[in-house]
PDB file of N, CA and C in Angstrom:
ATOM      1  N   MET A   1     130.490  62.106  93.910  1.00  0.00           N
ATOM      2  CA  MET A   1     128.791  61.120  94.120  1.00  0.00           C
ATOM      3  C   MET A   1     127.586  62.947  93.993  1.00  0.00           C
ATOM      4  N   GLY A   2     126.538  61.613  93.276  1.00  0.00           N
ATOM      5  CA  GLY A   2     125.426  62.658  93.070  1.00  0.00           C
ATOM      6  C   GLY A   2     126.203  63.250  92.069  1.00  0.00           C
ATOM      7  N   THR A   3     124.619  63.841  90.483  1.00  0.00           N
ATOM      8  CA  THR A   3     124.981  64.283  89.631  1.00  0.00           C
ATOM      9  C   THR A   3     124.975  65.476  89.482  1.00  0.00           C
ATOM     10  N   GLU A   4     125.267  66.409  88.127  1.00  0.00           N
ATOM     11  CA  GLU A   4     124.590  67.176  88.575  1.00  0.00           C
ATOM     12  C   GLU A   4     122.659  67.639  88.429  1.00  0.00           C
ATOM     13  N   ALA A   5     122.485  66.356  88.094  1.00  0.00           N
ATOM     14  CA  ALA A   5     120.888  66.536  87.948  1.00  0.00           C
ATOM     15  C   ALA A   5     120.229  66.517  89.164  1.00  0.00           C
ATOM     16  N   PHE A   6     120.909  66.103  90.135  1.00  0.00           N
ATOM     17  CA  PHE A   6     120.266  66.171  91.702  1.00  0.00           C
ATOM     18  C   PHE A   6     120.515  67.397  92.080  1.00  0.00           C
ATOM     19  N   TYR A   7     121.889  68.138  91.417  1.00  0.00           N
ATOM     20  CA  TYR A   7     121.427  69.429  92.498  1.00  0.00           C
ATOM     21  C   TYR A   7     120.670  70.296  91.621  1.00  0.00           C
ATOM     22  N   THR A   8     120.391  70.200  90.657  1.00  0.00           N
ATOM     23  CA  THR A   8     119.867  70.936  90.020  1.00  0.00           C
ATOM     24  C   THR A   8     117.992  70.920  90.228  1.00  0.00           C
ATOM     25  N   THR A   9     118.076  69.264  90.392  1.00  0.00           N
ATOM     26  CA  THR A   9     116.673  69.076  91.012  1.00  0.00           C
ATOM     27  C   THR A   9     116.295  69.500  92.135  1.00  0.00           C
ATOM     28  N   ALA A  10     117.454  69.499  93.160  1.00  0.00           N
ATOM     29  CA  ALA A  10     117.350  70.398  94.400  1.00  0.00           C
ATOM     30  C   ALA A  10     116.979  71.763  94.241  1.00  0.00           C
ATOM     31  N   ALA A  11     117.748  72.203  93.870  1.00  0.00           N
ATOM     32  CA  ALA A  11     117.820  73.590  93.768  1.00  0.00           C
ATOM     33  C   ALA A  11     116.157  73.928  93.136  1.00  0.00           C
ATOM     34  N   GLN A  12     115.707  72.800  92.645  1.00  0.00           N
ATOM     35  CA  GLN A  12     114.347  73.503  92.418  1.00  0.00           C
ATOM     36  C   GLN A  12     113.209  72.409  92.943  1.00  0.00           C
ATOM     37  N   VAL A  13     113.401  71.376  93.593  1.00  0.00           N
ATOM     38  CA  VAL A  13     112.247  71.256  94.871  1.00  0.00           C
ATOM     39  C   VAL A  13     112.685  72.093  95.268  1.00  0.00           C
ATOM     40  N   MET A  14     112.852  72.781  96.150  1.00  0.00           N
ATOM     41  CA  MET A  14     113.634  73.084  97.586  1.00  0.00           C
ATOM     42  C   MET A  14     112.693  75.024  97.317  1.00  0.00           C
ATOM     43  N   PRO A  15     112.247  74.920  96.592  1.00  0.00           N
ATOM     44  CA  PRO A  15     111.740  76.468  96.920  1.00  0.00           C
ATOM     45  C   PRO A  15     109.459  75.807  96.712  1.00  0.00           C
ATOM     46  N   ALA A  16     109.675  74.620  95.565  1.00  0.00           N
ATOM     47  CA  ALA A  16     108.311  74.601  95.918  1.00  0.00           C
ATOM     48  C   ALA A  16     107.836  74.226  97.267  1.00  0.00           C
ATOM     49  N   LEU A  17     108.980  73.370  97.940  1.00  0.00           N
ATOM     50  CA  LEU A  17     109.088  72.912  99.266  1.00  0.00           C
ATOM     51  C   LEU A  17     108.943  73.771 100.378  1.00  0.00           C
ATOM     52  N   VAL A  18     108.836  74.501 100.162  1.00  0.00           N
ATOM     53  CA  VAL A  18     109.049  76.429 100.406  1.00  0.00           C
ATOM     54  C   VAL A  18     107.203  76.343 100.519  1.00  0.00           C
ATOM     55  N   ILE A  19     107.207  76.606  99.613  1.00  0.00           N
ATOM     56  CA  ILE A  19     105.860  76.938  99.750  1.00  0.00           C
ATOM     57  C   ILE A  19     105.151  76.641  99.807  1.00  0.00           C
ATOM     58  N   ALA A  20     104.915  74.855  99.865  1.00  0.00           N
ATOM     59  CA  ALA A  20     104.011  74.445 100.162  1.00  0.00           C
ATOM     60  C   ALA A  20     103.741  74.314 102.051  1.00  0.00           C
ATOM     61  N   PHE A  21     104.994  74.025 102.433  1.00  0.00           N
ATOM     62  CA  PHE A  21     105.116  74.697 103.912  1.00  0.00           C
ATOM     63  C   PHE A  21     104.615  75.633 104.702  1.00  0.00           C
ATOM     64  N   GLY A  22     104.983  76.643 103.460  1.00  0.00           N
ATOM     65  CA  GLY A  22     104.436  77.954 104.090  1.00  0.00           C
ATOM     66  C   GLY A  22     102.598  77.984 104.287  1.00  0.00           C
ATOM     67  N   VAL A  23     102.147  77.387 102.674  1.00  0.00           N
ATOM     68  CA  VAL A  23     100.802  77.406 103.162  1.00  0.00           C
ATOM     69  C   VAL A  23     100.241  76.749 104.206  1.00  0.00           C
ATOM     70  N   GLU A  24     100.589  75.641 103.811  1.00  0.00           N
ATOM     71  CA  GLU A  24     100.044  75.095 106.307  1.00  0.00           C
ATOM     72  C   GLU A  24     100.685  75.155 107.133  1.00  0.00           C
ATOM     73  N   VAL A  25     101.712  76.119 107.082  1.00  0.00           N
ATOM     74  CA  VAL A  25     102.067  76.460 108.601  1.00  0.00           C
ATOM     75  C   VAL A  25     100.792  77.322 108.465  1.00  0.00           C
ATOM     76  N   ALA A  26     100.604  78.424 107.366  1.00  0.00           N
ATOM     77  CA  ALA A  26      99.259  79.366 107.340  1.00  0.00           C
ATOM     78  C   ALA A  26      97.965  78.683 107.873  1.00  0.00           C
ATOM     79  N   PHE A  27      97.450  77.957 107.356  1.00  0.00           N
ATOM     80  CA  PHE A  27      96.437  77.194 107.463  1.00  0.00           C
ATOM     81  C   PHE A  27      96.581  76.477 108.926  1.00  0.00           C
ATOM     82  N   VAL A  28      97.575  76.133 109.904  1.00  0.00           N
ATOM     83  CA  VAL A  28      97.377  75.534 111.159  1.00  0.00           C
ATOM     84  C   VAL A  28      97.271  76.756 112.023  1.00  0.00           C
ATOM     85  N   LEU A  29      97.969  77.864 111.904  1.00  0.00           N
ATOM     86  CA  LEU A  29      98.765  79.378 112.304  1.00  0.00           C
ATOM     87  C   LEU A  29      97.070  80.403 112.029  1.00  0.00           C
ATOM     88  N   GLN A  30      96.334  80.308 111.486  1.00  0.00           N
ATOM     89  CA  GLN A  30      94.785  80.285 111.051  1.00  0.00           C
ATOM     90  C   GLN A  30      94.121  79.951 112.230  1.00  0.00           C
ATOM     91  N   TYR A  31      94.637  78.350 111.963  1.00  0.00           N
ATOM     92  CA  TYR A  31      93.326  77.865 112.609  1.00  0.00           C
ATOM     93  C   TYR A  31      93.606  77.614 114.048  1.00  0.00           C
ATOM     94  N   LEU A  32      94.697  78.033 114.788  1.00  0.00           N
ATOM     95  CA  LEU A  32      94.993  78.155 115.937  1.00  0.00           C
ATOM     96  C   LEU A  32      94.461  79.585 116.867  1.00  0.00           C
ATOM     97  N   GLN A  33      94.495  80.343 115.755  1.00  0.00           N
ATOM     98  CA  GLN A  33      93.791  81.733 115.708  1.00  0.00           C
ATOM     99  C   GLN A  33      92.471  82.042 116.066  1.00  0.00           C
ATOM    100  N   HIS A  34      91.798  81.615 114.975  1.00  0.00           N
ATOM    101  CA  HIS A  34      90.734  81.147 115.748  1.00  0.00           C
ATOM    102  C   HIS A  34      90.324  80.153 116.778  1.00  0.00           C
ATOM    103  N   GLN A  35      90.893  79.451 116.763  1.00  0.00           N
ATOM    104  CA  GLN A  35      90.776  78.516 118.456  1.00  0.00           C
ATOM    105  C   GLN A  35      90.576  79.366 119.450  1.00  0.00           C
ATOM    106  N   ARG A  36      92.094  80.558 119.896  1.00  0.00           N
ATOM    107  CA  ARG A  36      92.288  81.102 120.664  1.00  0.00           C
ATOM    108  C   ARG A  36      90.752  81.762 121.357  1.00  0.00           C
ATOM    109  N   ALA A  37      90.623  82.964 119.733  1.00  0.00           N
ATOM    110  CA  ALA A  37      89.904  83.393 120.079  1.00  0.00           C
ATOM    111  C   ALA A  37      88.274  82.824 120.332  1.00  0.00           C
ATOM    112  N   ARG A  38      88.113  81.481 120.046  1.00  0.00           N
ATOM    113  CA  ARG A  38      87.051  81.177 121.017  1.00  0.00           C
ATOM    114  C   ARG A  38      86.603  80.492 121.598  1.00  0.00           C
ATOM    115  N   ALA A  39      88.652  80.276 122.564  1.00  0.00           N
ATOM    116  CA  ALA A  39      88.494  80.334 124.116  1.00  0.00           C
ATOM    117  C   ALA A  39      88.388  81.155 124.951  1.00  0.00           C
ATOM    118  N   LYS A  40      89.089  82.276 124.702  1.00  0.00           N
ATOM    119  CA  LYS A  40      89.069  83.216 124.933  1.00  0.00           C
ATOM    120  C   LYS A  40      87.659  84.292 125.061  1.00  0.00           C
ATOM    121  N   GLN A  41      87.011  83.606 123.730  1.00  0.00           N
ATOM    122  CA  GLN A  41      85.507  84.432 124.290  1.00  0.00           C
ATOM    123  C   GLN A  41      84.688  83.468 125.410  1.00  0.00           C
ATOM    124  N   ALA A  42      84.942  82.226 125.583  1.00  0.00           N
ATOM    125  CA  ALA A  42      84.355  81.036 126.361  1.00  0.00           C
ATOM    126  C   ALA A  42      85.613  81.039 127.021  1.00  0.00           C
ATOM    127  N   GLY A  43      86.202  82.007 128.171  1.00  0.00           N
ATOM    128  CA  GLY A  43      86.630  81.891 128.932  1.00  0.00           C
ATOM    129  C   GLY A  43      88.076  81.061 130.066  1.00  0.00           C
ATOM    130  N   LYS A  44      87.863  80.300 128.497  1.00  0.00           N
ATOM    131  CA  LYS A  44      89.085  78.930 129.111  1.00  0.00           C
ATOM    132  C   LYS A  44      90.473  79.358 129.583  1.00  0.00           C
ATOM    133  N   GLN A  45      91.006  80.109 130.175  1.00  0.00           N
ATOM    134  CA  GLN A  45      92.142  80.468 130.162  1.00  0.00           C
ATOM    135  C   GLN A  45      93.162  79.095 129.831  1.00  0.00           C
ATOM    136  N   ASP A  46      93.116  78.124 130.013  1.00  0.00           N
ATOM    137  CA  ASP A  46      94.142  76.887 129.610  1.00  0.00           C
ATOM    138  C   ASP A  46      94.266  76.563 128.590  1.00  0.00           C
ATOM    139  N   LEU A  47      93.257  76.794 127.258  1.00  0.00           N
ATOM    140  CA  LEU A  47      92.750  76.595 126.273  1.00  0.00           C
ATOM    141  C   LEU A  47      93.708  77.599 125.688  1.00  0.00           C
ATOM    142  N   VAL A  48      93.312  79.392 125.797  1.00  0.00           N
ATOM    143  CA  VAL A  48      94.353  79.932 125.620  1.00  0.00           C
ATOM    144  C   VAL A  48      95.937  79.800 125.737  1.00  0.00           C
ATOM    145  N   ALA A  49      96.155  79.725 126.916  1.00  0.00           N
ATOM    146  CA  ALA A  49      97.471  79.167 127.066  1.00  0.00           C
ATOM    147  C   ALA A  49      98.242  77.763 126.355  1.00  0.00           C
ATOM    148  N   GLU A  50      97.000  76.471 125.454  1.00  0.00           N
ATOM    149  CA  GLU A  50      97.759  76.288 124.807  1.00  0.00           C
ATOM    150  C   GLU A  50      98.073  76.867 123.087  1.00  0.00           C
ATOM    151  N   ALA A  51      96.784  77.098 123.080  1.00  0.00           N
ATOM    152  CA  ALA A  51      96.914  77.916 121.826  1.00  0.00           C
ATOM    153  C   ALA A  51      97.683  78.747 121.737  1.00  0.00           C
ATOM    154  N   ASP A  52      98.435  79.956 122.243  1.00  0.00           N
ATOM    155  CA  ASP A  52      99.793  80.127 122.402  1.00  0.00           C
ATOM    156  C   ASP A  52     100.644  79.474 122.566  1.00  0.00           C
ATOM    157  N   THR A  53     100.651  78.080 122.970  1.00  0.00           N
ATOM    158  CA  THR A  53     102.216  77.817 122.929  1.00  0.00           C
ATOM    159  C   THR A  53     102.222  77.097 121.750  1.00  0.00           C
ATOM    160  N   SER A  54     100.907  76.668 121.246  1.00  0.00           N
ATOM    161  CA  SER A  54     101.061  75.780 119.868  1.00  0.00           C
ATOM    162  C   SER A  54     101.721  76.602 118.836  1.00  0.00           C
ATOM    163  N   GLN A  55     101.102  77.782 118.544  1.00  0.00           N
ATOM    164  CA  GLN A  55     101.640  79.239 118.202  1.00  0.00           C
ATOM    165  C   GLN A  55     102.924  79.811 117.400  1.00  0.00           C
ATOM    166  N   GLU A  56     103.340  79.714 118.686  1.00  0.00           N
ATOM    167  CA  GLU A  56     105.412  80.246 118.730  1.00  0.00           C
ATOM    168  C   GLU A  56     105.894  78.257 118.455  1.00  0.00           C
ATOM    169  N   TRP A  57     105.340  77.887 118.446  1.00  0.00           N
ATOM    170  CA  TRP A  57     105.927  76.308 118.837  1.00  0.00           C
ATOM    171  C   TRP A  57     105.728  76.457 116.601  1.00  0.00           C
ATOM    172  N   MET A  58     104.928  76.464 116.271  1.00  0.00           N
ATOM    173  CA  MET A  58     104.889  76.694 115.320  1.00  0.00           C
ATOM    174  C   MET A  58     105.722  77.597 114.302  1.00  0.00           C
ATOM    175  N   VAL A  59     106.167  79.120 114.624  1.00  0.00           N
ATOM    176  CA  VAL A  59     106.756  79.900 114.471  1.00  0.00           C
ATOM    177  C   VAL A  59     108.410  79.612 114.557  1.00  0.00           C
ATOM    178  N   MET A  60     108.070  78.613 115.876  1.00  0.00           N
ATOM    179  CA  MET A  60     109.738  78.314 115.756  1.00  0.00           C
ATOM    180  C   MET A  60     110.358  77.363 114.577  1.00  0.00           C
ATOM    181  N   VAL A  61     109.251  76.856 114.631  1.00  0.00           N
ATOM    182  CA  VAL A  61     109.570  75.389 113.571  1.00  0.00           C
ATOM    183  C   VAL A  61     109.531  75.528 112.016  1.00  0.00           C
ATOM    184  N   ALA A  62     108.984  76.827 111.573  1.00  0.00           N
ATOM    185  CA  ALA A  62     109.017  77.255 109.996  1.00  0.00           C
ATOM    186  C   ALA A  62     110.276  78.776 110.532  1.00  0.00           C
ATOM    187  N   ILE A  63     110.787  78.972 111.201  1.00  0.00           N
ATOM    188  CA  ILE A  63     112.197  79.814 111.444  1.00  0.00           C
ATOM    189  C   ILE A  63     113.276  79.453 110.769  1.00  0.00           C
ATOM    190  N   GLY A  64     112.996  77.994 111.870  1.00  0.00           N
ATOM    191  CA  GLY A  64     113.743  76.730 111.518  1.00  0.00           C
ATOM    192  C   GLY A  64     114.188  75.989 110.098  1.00  0.00           C
ATOM    193  N   LEU A  65     112.790  75.636 109.392  1.00  0.00           N
ATOM    194  CA  LEU A  65     112.469  75.047 108.010  1.00  0.00           C
ATOM    195  C   LEU A  65     112.814  76.358 107.786  1.00  0.00           C
ATOM    196  N   ALA A  66     113.033  77.536 107.833  1.00  0.00           N
ATOM    197  CA  ALA A  66     113.928  79.122 106.740  1.00  0.00           C
ATOM    198  C   ALA A  66     114.626  78.796 106.671  1.00  0.00           C
ATOM    199  N   ILE A  67     115.864  78.474 108.391  1.00  0.00           N
ATOM    200  CA  ILE A  67     117.201  78.731 107.850  1.00  0.00           C
ATOM    201  C   ILE A  67     117.675  76.956 106.801  1.00  0.00           C
ATOM    202  N   VAL A  68     117.098  76.024 107.195  1.00  0.00           N
ATOM    203  CA  VAL A  68     117.312  74.930 106.501  1.00  0.00           C
ATOM    204  C   VAL A  68     117.320  75.122 105.171  1.00  0.00           C
ATOM    205  N   PHE A  69     115.866  76.290 104.426  1.00  0.00           N
ATOM    206  CA  PHE A  69     115.832  76.211 102.987  1.00  0.00           C
ATOM    207  C   PHE A  69     117.137  77.234 102.347  1.00  0.00           C
ATOM    208  N   ILE A  70     117.762  77.942 103.102  1.00  0.00           N
ATOM    209  CA  ILE A  70     118.330  78.876 102.349  1.00  0.00           C
ATOM    210  C   ILE A  70     119.954  78.007 102.949  1.00  0.00           C
ATOM    211  N   VAL A  71     120.250  77.683 103.781  1.00  0.00           N
ATOM    212  CA  VAL A  71     121.263  77.139 103.468  1.00  0.00           C
ATOM    213  C   VAL A  71     120.746  75.431 102.505  1.00  0.00           C
ATOM    214  N   GLY A  72     120.609  74.608 102.093  1.00  0.00           N
ATOM    215  CA  GLY A  72     120.003  73.744 101.388  1.00  0.00           C
ATOM    216  C   GLY A  72     120.083  74.303 100.059  1.00  0.00           C
ATOM    217  N   GLU A  73     119.717  75.358  99.610  1.00  0.00           N
ATOM    218  CA  GLU A  73     119.742  76.506  98.788  1.00  0.00           C
ATOM    219  C   GLU A  73     121.136  77.060  97.483  1.00  0.00           C
ATOM    220  N   VAL A  74     121.618  77.631  98.799  1.00  0.00           N
ATOM    221  CA  VAL A  74     122.997  78.023  99.277  1.00  0.00           C
ATOM    222  C   VAL A  74     123.925  77.110  98.847  1.00  0.00           C
ATOM    223  N   LEU A  75     124.273  76.288  99.130  1.00  0.00           N
ATOM    224  CA  LEU A  75     124.657  75.029  98.593  1.00  0.00           C
ATOM    225  C   LEU A  75     124.735  73.992  97.414  1.00  0.00           C
ATOM    226  N   ALA A  76     123.069  74.580  97.213  1.00  0.00           N
ATOM    227  CA  ALA A  76     123.059  73.290  95.680  1.00  0.00           C
ATOM    228  C   ALA A  76     123.746  74.529  94.642  1.00  0.00           C
ATOM    229  N   PHE A  77     123.251  75.718  94.952  1.00  0.00           N
ATOM    230  CA  PHE A  77     124.030  76.688  94.124  1.00  0.00           C
ATOM    231  C   PHE A  77     124.957  77.245  93.874  1.00  0.00           C
ATOM    232  N   LEU A  78     126.138  76.423  94.953  1.00  0.00           N
ATOM    233  CA  LEU A  78     127.569  76.588  95.107  1.00  0.00           C
ATOM    234  C   LEU A  78     128.008  75.530  93.729  1.00  0.00           C
ATOM    235  N   ALA A  79     127.496  74.213  94.643  1.00  0.00           N
ATOM    236  CA  ALA A  79     127.266  72.774  94.164  1.00  0.00           C
ATOM    237  C   ALA A  79     127.215  73.426  92.223  1.00  0.00           C
ATOM    238  N   LEU A  80     126.384  73.597  92.363  1.00  0.00           N
ATOM    239  CA  LEU A  80     126.400  73.606  90.579  1.00  0.00           C
ATOM    240  C   LEU A  80     126.891  75.456  90.229  1.00  0.00           C
ATOM    241  N   GLY A  81     127.159  75.743  90.778  1.00  0.00           N
ATOM    242  CA  GLY A  81     128.609  77.043  89.878  1.00  0.00           C
ATOM    243  C   GLY A  81     129.549  76.427  89.840  1.00  0.00           C
ATOM    244  N   PHE A  82     130.353  75.954  91.057  1.00  0.00           N
ATOM    245  CA  PHE A  82     131.898  75.489  91.006  1.00  0.00           C
ATOM    246  C   PHE A  82     131.829  74.136  90.202  1.00  0.00           C
ATOM    247  N   GLY A  83     131.050  72.920  90.566  1.00  0.00           N
ATOM    248  CA  GLY A  83     130.810  71.852  90.070  1.00  0.00           C
ATOM    249  C   GLY A  83     131.690  71.396  91.079  1.00  0.00           C
ATOM    250  N   TRP A  84     130.781  71.111  92.214  1.00  0.00           N
ATOM    251  CA  TRP A  84     131.548  70.961  93.263  1.00  0.00           C
ATOM    252  C   TRP A  84     130.541  69.517  93.455  1.00  0.00           C
ATOM    253  N   PHE A  85     130.511  68.614  92.445  1.00  0.00           N
ATOM    254  CA  PHE A  85     129.643  66.889  92.758  1.00  0.00           C
ATOM    255  C   PHE A  85     130.154  66.411  93.740  1.00  0.00           C
ATOM    256  N   ASN A  86     130.623  66.489  95.094  1.00  0.00           N
ATOM    257  CA  ASN A  86     131.303  65.203  96.193  1.00  0.00           C
ATOM    258  C   ASN A  86     130.305  65.495  97.304  1.00  0.00           C
ATOM    259  N   VAL A  87     131.083  64.434  97.821  1.00  0.00           N
ATOM    260  CA  VAL A  87     129.412  63.867  98.839  1.00  0.00           C
ATOM    261  C   VAL A  87     130.257  65.345  99.970  1.00  0.00           C
ATOM    262  N   GLY A  88     130.410  65.965 100.245  1.00  0.00           N
ATOM    263  CA  GLY A  88     131.044  66.828 100.990  1.00  0.00           C
ATOM    264  C   GLY A  88     130.073  68.122 101.056  1.00  0.00           C
ATOM    265  N   MET A  89     129.083  67.612  99.596  1.00  0.00           N
ATOM    266  CA  MET A  89     128.119  68.495  99.106  1.00  0.00           C
ATOM    267  C   MET A  89     126.718  67.780  98.952  1.00  0.00           C
ATOM    268  N   PHE A  90     127.108  66.474  98.752  1.00  0.00           N
ATOM    269  CA  PHE A  90     125.917  65.564  98.507  1.00  0.00           C
ATOM    270  C   PHE A  90     124.765  65.549  99.989  1.00  0.00           C
ATOM    271  N   ILE A  91     125.911  65.352 100.690  1.00  0.00           N
ATOM    272  CA  ILE A  91     125.312  64.459 102.024  1.00  0.00           C
ATOM    273  C   ILE A  91     123.997  65.789 102.961  1.00  0.00           C
ATOM    274  N   PRO A  92     124.774  66.963 103.213  1.00  0.00           N
ATOM    275  CA  PRO A  92     124.203  68.078 103.259  1.00  0.00           C
ATOM    276  C   PRO A  92     122.973  69.047 103.055  1.00  0.00           C
ATOM    277  N   ILE A  93     123.275  68.833 101.395  1.00  0.00           N
ATOM    278  CA  ILE A  93     121.078  69.085 100.926  1.00  0.00           C
ATOM    279  C   ILE A  93     120.621  68.234 100.805  1.00  0.00           C
ATOM    280  N   GLY A  94     121.112  66.719 100.988  1.00  0.00           N
ATOM    281  CA  GLY A  94     120.106  65.501 101.112  1.00  0.00           C
ATOM    282  C   GLY A  94     119.335  65.427 102.724  1.00  0.00           C
ATOM    283  N   ILE A  95     120.399  65.450 103.911  1.00  0.00           N
ATOM    284  CA  ILE A  95     119.824  65.933 104.430  1.00  0.00           C
ATOM    285  C   ILE A  95     118.792  67.375 104.953  1.00  0.00           C
ATOM    286  N   CYS A  96     119.349  68.262 104.246  1.00  0.00           N
ATOM    287  CA  CYS A  96     118.161  69.713 103.790  1.00  0.00           C
ATOM    288  C   CYS A  96     116.531  69.135 103.101  1.00  0.00           C
ATOM    289  N   LEU A  97     117.147  68.334 102.254  1.00  0.00           N
ATOM    290  CA  LEU A  97     115.720  67.970 101.393  1.00  0.00           C
ATOM    291  C   LEU A  97     114.655  66.442 102.929  1.00  0.00           C
ATOM    292  N   LEU A  98     115.920  66.156 103.271  1.00  0.00           N
ATOM    293  CA  LEU A  98     115.218  65.588 103.517  1.00  0.00           C
ATOM    294  C   LEU A  98     114.304  65.549 104.862  1.00  0.00           C
ATOM    295  N   LEU A  99     114.971  66.827 105.754  1.00  0.00           N
ATOM    296  CA  LEU A  99     113.184  67.384 106.342  1.00  0.00           C
ATOM    297  C   LEU A  99     113.069  68.487 106.111  1.00  0.00           C
ATOM    298  N   MET A 100     113.046  68.964 104.897  1.00  0.00           N
ATOM    299  CA  MET A 100     111.966  69.762 104.344  1.00  0.00           C
ATOM    300  C   MET A 100     110.834  68.722 103.356  1.00  0.00           C
ATOM    301  N   ILE A 101     111.235  67.804 102.954  1.00  0.00           N
ATOM    302  CA  ILE A 101     109.937  66.381 102.726  1.00  0.00           C
ATOM    303  C   ILE A 101     109.201  66.042 103.354  1.00  0.00           C
ATOM    304  N   GLY A 102     110.192  66.078 104.959  1.00  0.00           N
ATOM    305  CA  GLY A 102     109.187  65.670 106.135  1.00  0.00           C
ATOM    306  C   GLY A 102     108.498  66.569 106.929  1.00  0.00           C
ATOM    307  N   ALA A 103     108.794  67.814 107.243  1.00  0.00           N
ATOM    308  CA  ALA A 103     108.156  68.439 107.940  1.00  0.00           C
ATOM    309  C   ALA A 103     106.719  69.295 106.749  1.00  0.00           C
ATOM    310  N   THR A 104     107.378  68.817 105.424  1.00  0.00           N
ATOM    311  CA  THR A 104     105.931  69.870 104.548  1.00  0.00           C
ATOM    312  C   THR A 104     104.595  68.447 105.020  1.00  0.00           C
ATOM    313  N   LEU A 105     105.338  67.215 104.540  1.00  0.00           N
ATOM    314  CA  LEU A 105     104.462  65.959 104.923  1.00  0.00           C
ATOM    315  C   LEU A 105     103.493  66.470 105.898  1.00  0.00           C
ATOM    316  N   TYR A 106     104.548  66.274 107.626  1.00  0.00           N
ATOM    317  CA  TYR A 106     104.452  66.508 109.289  1.00  0.00           C
ATOM    318  C   TYR A 106     102.518  66.962 109.491  1.00  0.00           C
ATOM    319  N   VAL A 107     103.631  68.683 108.480  1.00  0.00           N
ATOM    320  CA  VAL A 107     102.556  70.327 109.251  1.00  0.00           C
ATOM    321  C   VAL A 107     100.785  69.524 108.399  1.00  0.00           C
ATOM    322  N   PRO A 108     100.518  68.896 107.738  1.00  0.00           N
ATOM    323  CA  PRO A 108      99.061  68.571 107.013  1.00  0.00           C
ATOM    324  C   PRO A 108      98.613  67.733 108.073  1.00  0.00           C
ATOM    325  N   ILE A 109      99.121  66.249 108.905  1.00  0.00           N
ATOM    326  CA  ILE A 109      98.817  66.019 109.376  1.00  0.00           C
ATOM    327  C   ILE A 109      98.785  66.255 111.314  1.00  0.00           C
ATOM    328  N   LEU A 110      99.189  67.326 111.044  1.00  0.00           N
ATOM    329  CA  LEU A 110      99.505  68.080 112.137  1.00  0.00           C
ATOM    330  C   LEU A 110      97.856  68.745 112.544  1.00  0.00           C
ATOM    331  N   ARG A 111      97.802  69.642 111.338  1.00  0.00           N
ATOM    332  CA  ARG A 111      96.369  70.190 111.030  1.00  0.00           C
ATOM    333  C   ARG A 111      95.455  69.073 111.398  1.00  0.00           C
ATOM    334  N   VAL A 112      95.460  68.131 111.091  1.00  0.00           N
ATOM    335  CA  VAL A 112      94.730  66.893 110.763  1.00  0.00           C
ATOM    336  C   VAL A 112      94.153  66.897 112.593  1.00  0.00           C
ATOM    337  N   THR A 113      95.824  66.834 113.690  1.00  0.00           N
ATOM    338  CA  THR A 113      95.071  66.245 114.671  1.00  0.00           C
ATOM    339  C   THR A 113      94.939  66.999 115.639  1.00  0.00           C
ATOM    340  N   LEU A 114      95.492  68.503 114.958  1.00  0.00           N
ATOM    341  CA  LEU A 114      95.024  69.771 115.722  1.00  0.00           C
ATOM    342  C   LEU A 114      93.623  69.780 116.116  1.00  0.00           C
ATOM    343  N   THR A 115      92.859  69.547 114.588  1.00  0.00           N
ATOM    344  CA  THR A 115      91.655  70.124 114.575  1.00  0.00           C
ATOM    345  C   THR A 115      90.523  69.202 115.305  1.00  0.00           C
ATOM    346  N   ALA A 116      91.226  67.550 115.425  1.00  0.00           N
ATOM    347  CA  ALA A 116      90.295  66.649 115.895  1.00  0.00           C
ATOM    348  C   ALA A 116      90.901  66.710 117.606  1.00  0.00           C
ATOM    349  N   THR A 117      91.694  67.303 118.344  1.00  0.00           N
ATOM    350  CA  THR A 117      92.089  67.302 119.575  1.00  0.00           C
ATOM    351  C   THR A 117      91.126  68.806 120.104  1.00  0.00           C
ATOM    352  N   TRP A 118      91.209  69.828 119.298  1.00  0.00           N
ATOM    353  CA  TRP A 118      90.729  71.217 119.722  1.00  0.00           C
ATOM    354  C   TRP A 118      89.573  70.617 119.646  1.00  0.00           C
ATOM    355  N   ASP A 119      88.357  69.722 118.831  1.00  0.00           N
ATOM    356  CA  ASP A 119      86.687  70.106 118.486  1.00  0.00           C
ATOM    357  C   ASP A 119      86.343  69.014 119.540  1.00  0.00           C
ATOM    358  N   GLU A 120      87.662  68.761 119.976  1.00  0.00           N
ATOM    359  CA  GLU A 120      86.667  67.463 121.530  1.00  0.00           C
ATOM    360  C   GLU A 120      86.364  68.704 122.347  1.00  0.00           C
ATOM    361  N   ASP A 121      87.799  69.132 122.926  1.00  0.00           N
ATOM    362  CA  ASP A 121      87.069  70.577 123.777  1.00  0.00           C
ATOM    363  C   ASP A 121      85.893  71.287 123.917  1.00  0.00           C
TER     364      ASP A 121
END
């Protein structure tokens, strides 16, 4: 299931998705650090705690997606190297691609939502 073109494309697209995800996560973390500093300066401990929680959550999501990337990339290279073009390789690589695409699309939406939420406070 899946042709060599699918596995080649997966092996090429996943690094690009990781780069895009990393850039977006960096923007979110930078924004949260800025908001945390503003909240701390204003003496709003509840907002400081919320920013800390959001930062920890983003770091955990980034670590999780890094693991998904490594698994997907290794499987894609194994499939290409050994010619394992079967369902056992297609499904996990497809799931890794879908997770990475979803996360890369979701983080900019999260950034806009965070900006709108924090600017109201």
